[in-house]
Amino acid sequence: MRKRTVFRTVILAIMVFGISYTIYNTFTKDTNQLIKVGDVSPDFVLEDLDGVKHKLSDYKGKGVVLNFWATYCKPCKEEMPDLEGNYNRFKSKGIEILAINNAQTALEVETFTNKISFPILIDHSKAVFRSYNINPLPTTIFIDSEGKVKKIHLGGMSNSVIQENIELILPK
């Protein structure tokens, strides 16, 4: 009888702990959601491979493409040449592309991006990735000249998709 009471008490304590832990995690988990179309894009400052700082708000008045990527991401690799081609095509029309890498080493990033002319930024602390709640890779955010998100594309993009989305953010 005494063993049964002890056993029940231990089981009850484990259940109370489990329920308490679940409730605690539910109320304290990160509530950031991926920004939505129409939101103002959160500002940030990141350095490129040459140590030059880029602040998103400095690009106000231009259409900005934020491409979140990594060297181990196959769709990222596949879309990079198309991003480069569209950057060359639309740069004179007020479009900027900022490629934001997720905290890989400069060596890894440099060997991957040796033919890219737009700024390659490394998010060493992953703070920008967290503020935008980026998942999956690649994720590309198209921001208009007023700093508002016009389109969010999850996954790889074809050349025609990149062009269509850039046309949405061309400054007037």
C-alpha atoms as a PDB file:
ATOM      1  CA  MET A   1       0.000   0.000   0.000  1.00  0.00           C
ATOM      2  CA  ARG A   2       2.784   2.433   0.946  1.00  0.00           C
ATOM      3  CA  LYS A   3       4.735   1.579  -2.248  1.00  0.00           C
ATOM      4  CA  ARG A   4       1.668   2.302  -4.348  1.00  0.00           C
ATOM      5  CA  THR A   5       1.222   5.740  -2.723  1.00  0.00           C
ATOM      6  CA  VAL A   6       4.884   6.626  -3.318  1.00  0.00           C
ATOM      7  CA  PHE A   7       4.652   5.420  -6.918  1.00  0.00           C
ATOM      8  CA  ARG A   8       1.492   7.479  -7.551  1.00  0.00           C
ATOM      9  CA  THR A   9       3.069  10.554  -5.968  1.00  0.00           C
ATOM     10  CA  VAL A  10       6.159  10.249  -8.203  1.00  0.00           C
ATOM     11  CA  ILE A  11       3.992   9.793 -11.317  1.00  0.00           C
ATOM     12  CA  LEU A  12       1.845  12.799 -10.329  1.00  0.00           C
ATOM     13  CA  ALA A  13       4.970  14.935  -9.747  1.00  0.00           C
ATOM     14  CA  ILE A  14       6.336  13.988 -13.183  1.00  0.00           C
ATOM     15  CA  MET A  15       3.011  14.858 -14.811  1.00  0.00           C
ATOM     16  CA  VAL A  16       2.814  18.234 -13.010  1.00  0.00           C
ATOM     17  CA  PHE A  17       6.389  19.001 -14.066  1.00  0.00           C
ATOM     18  CA  GLY A  18       5.648  18.053 -17.700  1.00  0.00           C
ATOM     19  CA  ILE A  19       2.497  20.155 -17.853  1.00  0.00           C
ATOM     20  CA  SER A  20       4.249  23.105 -16.187  1.00  0.00           C
ATOM     21  CA  TYR A  21       7.156  22.872 -18.618  1.00  0.00           C
ATOM     22  CA  THR A  22       4.786  22.789 -21.600  1.00  0.00           C
ATOM     23  CA  ILE A  23       2.862  25.831 -20.369  1.00  0.00           C
ATOM     24  CA  TYR A  24       6.097  27.714 -19.671  1.00  0.00           C
ATOM     25  CA  ASN A  25       7.438  26.998 -23.190  1.00  0.00           C
ATOM     26  CA  THR A  26       4.149  27.998 -24.786  1.00  0.00           C
ATOM     27  CA  PHE A  27       4.136  31.414 -23.138  1.00  0.00           C
ATOM     28  CA  THR A  28       7.845  32.170 -23.449  1.00  0.00           C
ATOM     29  CA  LYS A  29       8.635  30.928 -26.950  1.00  0.00           C
ATOM     30  CA  ASP A  30       9.752  33.385 -29.589  1.00  0.00           C
ATOM     31  CA  THR A  31       6.664  34.998 -31.083  1.00  0.00           C
ATOM     32  CA  ASN A  32       8.416  36.582 -34.071  1.00  0.00           C
ATOM     33  CA  GLN A  33       6.739  35.731 -37.308  1.00  0.00           C
ATOM     34  CA  LEU A  34       8.109  36.200 -40.760  1.00  0.00           C
ATOM     35  CA  ILE A  35       7.288  39.737 -41.724  1.00  0.00           C
ATOM     36  CA  LYS A  36       4.262  40.101 -43.912  1.00  0.00           C
ATOM     37  CA  VAL A  37       3.636  41.870 -47.185  1.00  0.00           C
ATOM     38  CA  GLY A  38       2.840  45.499 -46.369  1.00  0.00           C
ATOM     39  CA  ASP A  39       5.039  45.615 -43.247  1.00  0.00           C
ATOM     40  CA  VAL A  40       7.904  48.070 -42.954  1.00  0.00           C
ATOM     41  CA  SER A  41      11.116  46.104 -43.305  1.00  0.00           C
ATOM     42  CA  PRO A  42      13.186  46.035 -40.071  1.00  0.00           C
ATOM     43  CA  ASP A  43      16.364  48.089 -40.335  1.00  0.00           C
ATOM     44  CA  PHE A  44      19.791  46.529 -39.802  1.00  0.00           C
ATOM     45  CA  VAL A  45      23.497  47.181 -40.305  1.00  0.00           C
ATOM     46  CA  LEU A  46      25.803  44.465 -41.661  1.00  0.00           C
ATOM     47  CA  GLU A  47      29.304  44.485 -43.138  1.00  0.00           C
ATOM     48  CA  ASP A  48      30.187  43.230 -46.588  1.00  0.00           C
ATOM     49  CA  LEU A  49      33.272  41.174 -47.433  1.00  0.00           C
ATOM     50  CA  ASP A  50      35.376  44.363 -47.701  1.00  0.00           C
ATOM     51  CA  GLY A  51      34.332  45.600 -44.253  1.00  0.00           C
ATOM     52  CA  VAL A  52      31.970  48.280 -45.620  1.00  0.00           C
ATOM     53  CA  LYS A  53      28.850  48.732 -43.481  1.00  0.00           C
ATOM     54  CA  HIS A  54      25.463  48.575 -45.181  1.00  0.00           C
ATOM     55  CA  LYS A  55      22.400  49.948 -43.401  1.00  0.00           C
ATOM     56  CA  LEU A  56      19.081  48.992 -44.958  1.00  0.00           C
ATOM     57  CA  SER A  57      17.578  52.439 -44.311  1.00  0.00           C
ATOM     58  CA  ASP A  58      20.384  54.013 -46.382  1.00  0.00           C
ATOM     59  CA  TYR A  59      18.731  52.434 -49.428  1.00  0.00           C
ATOM     60  CA  LYS A  60      15.425  54.293 -48.953  1.00  0.00           C
ATOM     61  CA  GLY A  61      14.282  55.576 -52.323  1.00  0.00           C
ATOM     62  CA  LYS A  62      15.509  52.419 -54.055  1.00  0.00           C
ATOM     63  CA  GLY A  63      13.911  49.041 -54.527  1.00  0.00           C
ATOM     64  CA  VAL A  64      15.819  46.498 -52.420  1.00  0.00           C
ATOM     65  CA  VAL A  65      16.052  42.736 -52.804  1.00  0.00           C
ATOM     66  CA  LEU A  66      17.151  40.975 -49.604  1.00  0.00           C
ATOM     67  CA  ASN A  67      18.335  37.483 -50.460  1.00  0.00           C
ATOM     68  CA  PHE A  68      18.984  35.261 -47.418  1.00  0.00           C
ATOM     69  CA  TRP A  69      21.261  32.376 -48.365  1.00  0.00           C
ATOM     70  CA  ALA A  70      24.062  29.962 -47.461  1.00  0.00           C
ATOM     71  CA  THR A  71      26.822  28.270 -49.457  1.00  0.00           C
ATOM     72  CA  TYR A  72      25.520  24.771 -48.626  1.00  0.00           C
ATOM     73  CA  CYS A  73      22.087  25.600 -50.071  1.00  0.00           C
ATOM     74  CA  LYS A  74      21.700  24.174 -53.595  1.00  0.00           C
ATOM     75  CA  PRO A  75      18.795  26.468 -54.657  1.00  0.00           C
ATOM     76  CA  CYS A  76      20.853  29.440 -53.388  1.00  0.00           C
ATOM     77  CA  LYS A  77      23.687  28.405 -55.708  1.00  0.00           C
ATOM     78  CA  GLU A  78      21.343  27.973 -58.635  1.00  0.00           C
ATOM     79  CA  GLU A  79      19.668  31.390 -58.334  1.00  0.00           C
ATOM     80  CA  MET A  80      22.842  33.458 -57.713  1.00  0.00           C
ATOM     81  CA  PRO A  81      23.734  33.883 -61.428  1.00  0.00           C
ATOM     82  CA  ASP A  82      20.154  34.998 -62.177  1.00  0.00           C
ATOM     83  CA  LEU A  83      20.266  37.488 -59.295  1.00  0.00           C
ATOM     84  CA  GLU A  84      23.552  38.824 -60.708  1.00  0.00           C
ATOM     85  CA  GLY A  85      22.067  39.176 -64.211  1.00  0.00           C
ATOM     86  CA  ASN A  86      19.040  41.028 -62.875  1.00  0.00           C
ATOM     87  CA  TYR A  87      21.215  43.242 -60.696  1.00  0.00           C
ATOM     88  CA  ASN A  88      23.175  44.316 -63.779  1.00  0.00           C
ATOM     89  CA  ARG A  89      19.939  44.862 -65.682  1.00  0.00           C
ATOM     90  CA  PHE A  90      18.054  46.845 -63.007  1.00  0.00           C
ATOM     91  CA  LYS A  91      20.766  48.635 -61.000  1.00  0.00           C
ATOM     92  CA  SER A  92      20.573  51.764 -63.177  1.00  0.00           C
ATOM     93  CA  LYS A  93      16.806  51.814 -62.558  1.00  0.00           C
ATOM     94  CA  GLY A  94      17.220  52.075 -58.763  1.00  0.00           C
ATOM     95  CA  ILE A  95      17.357  48.429 -57.670  1.00  0.00           C
ATOM     96  CA  GLU A  96      19.812  47.113 -55.088  1.00  0.00           C
ATOM     97  CA  ILE A  97      20.400  43.512 -54.112  1.00  0.00           C
ATOM     98  CA  LEU A  98      21.809  42.653 -50.695  1.00  0.00           C
ATOM     99  CA  ALA A  99      22.719  38.988 -50.259  1.00  0.00           C
ATOM    100  CA  ILE A 100      22.764  38.103 -46.564  1.00  0.00           C
ATOM    101  CA  ASN A 101      24.727  34.998 -45.591  1.00  0.00           C
ATOM    102  CA  ASN A 102      23.972  33.126 -42.373  1.00  0.00           C
ATOM    103  CA  ALA A 103      27.194  33.409 -40.396  1.00  0.00           C
ATOM    104  CA  GLN A 104      29.554  31.376 -42.541  1.00  0.00           C
ATOM    105  CA  THR A 105      33.253  32.261 -42.740  1.00  0.00           C
ATOM    106  CA  ALA A 106      34.460  34.927 -45.145  1.00  0.00           C
ATOM    107  CA  LEU A 107      36.542  32.280 -46.957  1.00  0.00           C
ATOM    108  CA  GLU A 108      33.498  30.064 -47.586  1.00  0.00           C
ATOM    109  CA  VAL A 109      31.483  33.038 -48.800  1.00  0.00           C
ATOM    110  CA  GLU A 110      34.243  34.518 -51.002  1.00  0.00           C
ATOM    111  CA  THR A 111      34.833  31.293 -52.916  1.00  0.00           C
ATOM    112  CA  PHE A 112      31.101  30.962 -53.523  1.00  0.00           C
ATOM    113  CA  THR A 113      30.530  34.556 -54.667  1.00  0.00           C
ATOM    114  CA  ASN A 114      33.631  35.406 -56.699  1.00  0.00           C
ATOM    115  CA  LYS A 115      31.585  36.492 -59.751  1.00  0.00           C
ATOM    116  CA  ILE A 116      28.950  38.496 -57.870  1.00  0.00           C
ATOM    117  CA  SER A 117      29.012  42.302 -58.008  1.00  0.00           C
ATOM    118  CA  PHE A 118      26.202  43.171 -55.570  1.00  0.00           C
ATOM    119  CA  PRO A 119      26.992  43.453 -51.839  1.00  0.00           C
ATOM    120  CA  ILE A 120      27.456  40.162 -50.013  1.00  0.00           C
ATOM    121  CA  LEU A 121      26.799  40.645 -46.298  1.00  0.00           C
ATOM    122  CA  ILE A 122      27.551  38.152 -43.532  1.00  0.00           C
ATOM    123  CA  ASP A 123      25.202  38.008 -40.563  1.00  0.00           C
ATOM    124  CA  HIS A 124      27.803  36.737 -38.078  1.00  0.00           C
ATOM    125  CA  SER A 125      25.444  36.792 -35.092  1.00  0.00           C
ATOM    126  CA  LYS A 126      22.371  35.718 -37.101  1.00  0.00           C
ATOM    127  CA  ALA A 127      20.542  38.715 -35.607  1.00  0.00           C
ATOM    128  CA  VAL A 128      19.091  39.757 -38.969  1.00  0.00           C
ATOM    129  CA  PHE A 129      18.054  36.186 -39.729  1.00  0.00           C
ATOM    130  CA  ARG A 130      16.248  36.118 -36.359  1.00  0.00           C
ATOM    131  CA  SER A 131      14.622  39.534 -36.773  1.00  0.00           C
ATOM    132  CA  TYR A 132      13.201  38.426 -40.125  1.00  0.00           C
ATOM    133  CA  ASN A 133      12.617  34.876 -38.778  1.00  0.00           C
ATOM    134  CA  ILE A 134      14.157  33.375 -41.915  1.00  0.00           C
ATOM    135  CA  ASN A 135      13.373  29.764 -42.756  1.00  0.00           C
ATOM    136  CA  PRO A 136      13.836  28.085 -45.288  1.00  0.00           C
ATOM    137  CA  LEU A 137      16.839  29.049 -47.404  1.00  0.00           C
ATOM    138  CA  PRO A 138      16.818  30.792 -49.691  1.00  0.00           C
ATOM    139  CA  THR A 139      14.244  33.373 -48.681  1.00  0.00           C
ATOM    140  CA  THR A 140      14.047  36.572 -50.701  1.00  0.00           C
ATOM    141  CA  ILE A 141      12.253  39.721 -49.610  1.00  0.00           C
ATOM    142  CA  PHE A 142      11.386  42.446 -52.125  1.00  0.00           C
ATOM    143  CA  ILE A 143      11.170  45.916 -50.560  1.00  0.00           C
ATOM    144  CA  ASP A 144       9.838  49.014 -52.318  1.00  0.00           C
ATOM    145  CA  SER A 145      11.408  52.485 -52.297  1.00  0.00           C
ATOM    146  CA  GLU A 146       9.431  53.416 -49.160  1.00  0.00           C
ATOM    147  CA  GLY A 147      10.819  50.479 -47.180  1.00  0.00           C
ATOM    148  CA  LYS A 148       7.643  48.360 -47.316  1.00  0.00           C
ATOM    149  CA  VAL A 149       7.681  44.658 -48.070  1.00  0.00           C
ATOM    150  CA  LYS A 150       6.021  44.013 -51.429  1.00  0.00           C
ATOM    151  CA  LYS A 151       6.763  40.304 -51.825  1.00  0.00           C
ATOM    152  CA  ILE A 152       8.269  37.422 -49.867  1.00  0.00           C
ATOM    153  CA  HIS A 153       9.504  34.423 -51.814  1.00  0.00           C
ATOM    154  CA  LEU A 154      10.386  31.219 -49.967  1.00  0.00           C
ATOM    155  CA  GLY A 155      12.735  28.874 -51.802  1.00  0.00           C
ATOM    156  CA  GLY A 156      14.670  29.160 -55.030  1.00  0.00           C
ATOM    157  CA  MET A 157      13.592  31.423 -57.890  1.00  0.00           C
ATOM    158  CA  SER A 158      13.848  31.200 -61.644  1.00  0.00           C
ATOM    159  CA  ASN A 159      15.105  34.134 -63.683  1.00  0.00           C
ATOM    160  CA  SER A 160      11.562  35.069 -64.723  1.00  0.00           C
ATOM    161  CA  VAL A 161      10.307  35.048 -61.108  1.00  0.00           C
ATOM    162  CA  ILE A 162      13.183  37.308 -60.066  1.00  0.00           C
ATOM    163  CA  GLN A 163      12.361  39.740 -62.908  1.00  0.00           C
ATOM    164  CA  GLU A 164       8.626  39.785 -62.099  1.00  0.00           C
ATOM    165  CA  ASN A 165       9.286  40.528 -58.445  1.00  0.00           C
ATOM    166  CA  ILE A 166      11.883  43.210 -59.176  1.00  0.00           C
ATOM    167  CA  GLU A 167       9.378  44.951 -61.428  1.00  0.00           C
ATOM    168  CA  LEU A 168       7.044  45.192 -58.385  1.00  0.00           C
ATOM    169  CA  ILE A 169       9.607  47.303 -56.504  1.00  0.00           C
ATOM    170  CA  LEU A 170      10.992  49.554 -59.265  1.00  0.00           C
ATOM    171  CA  PRO A 171      11.116  53.124 -57.958  1.00  0.00           C
ATOM    172  CA  LYS A 172       8.747  55.473 -59.740  1.00  0.00           C
END
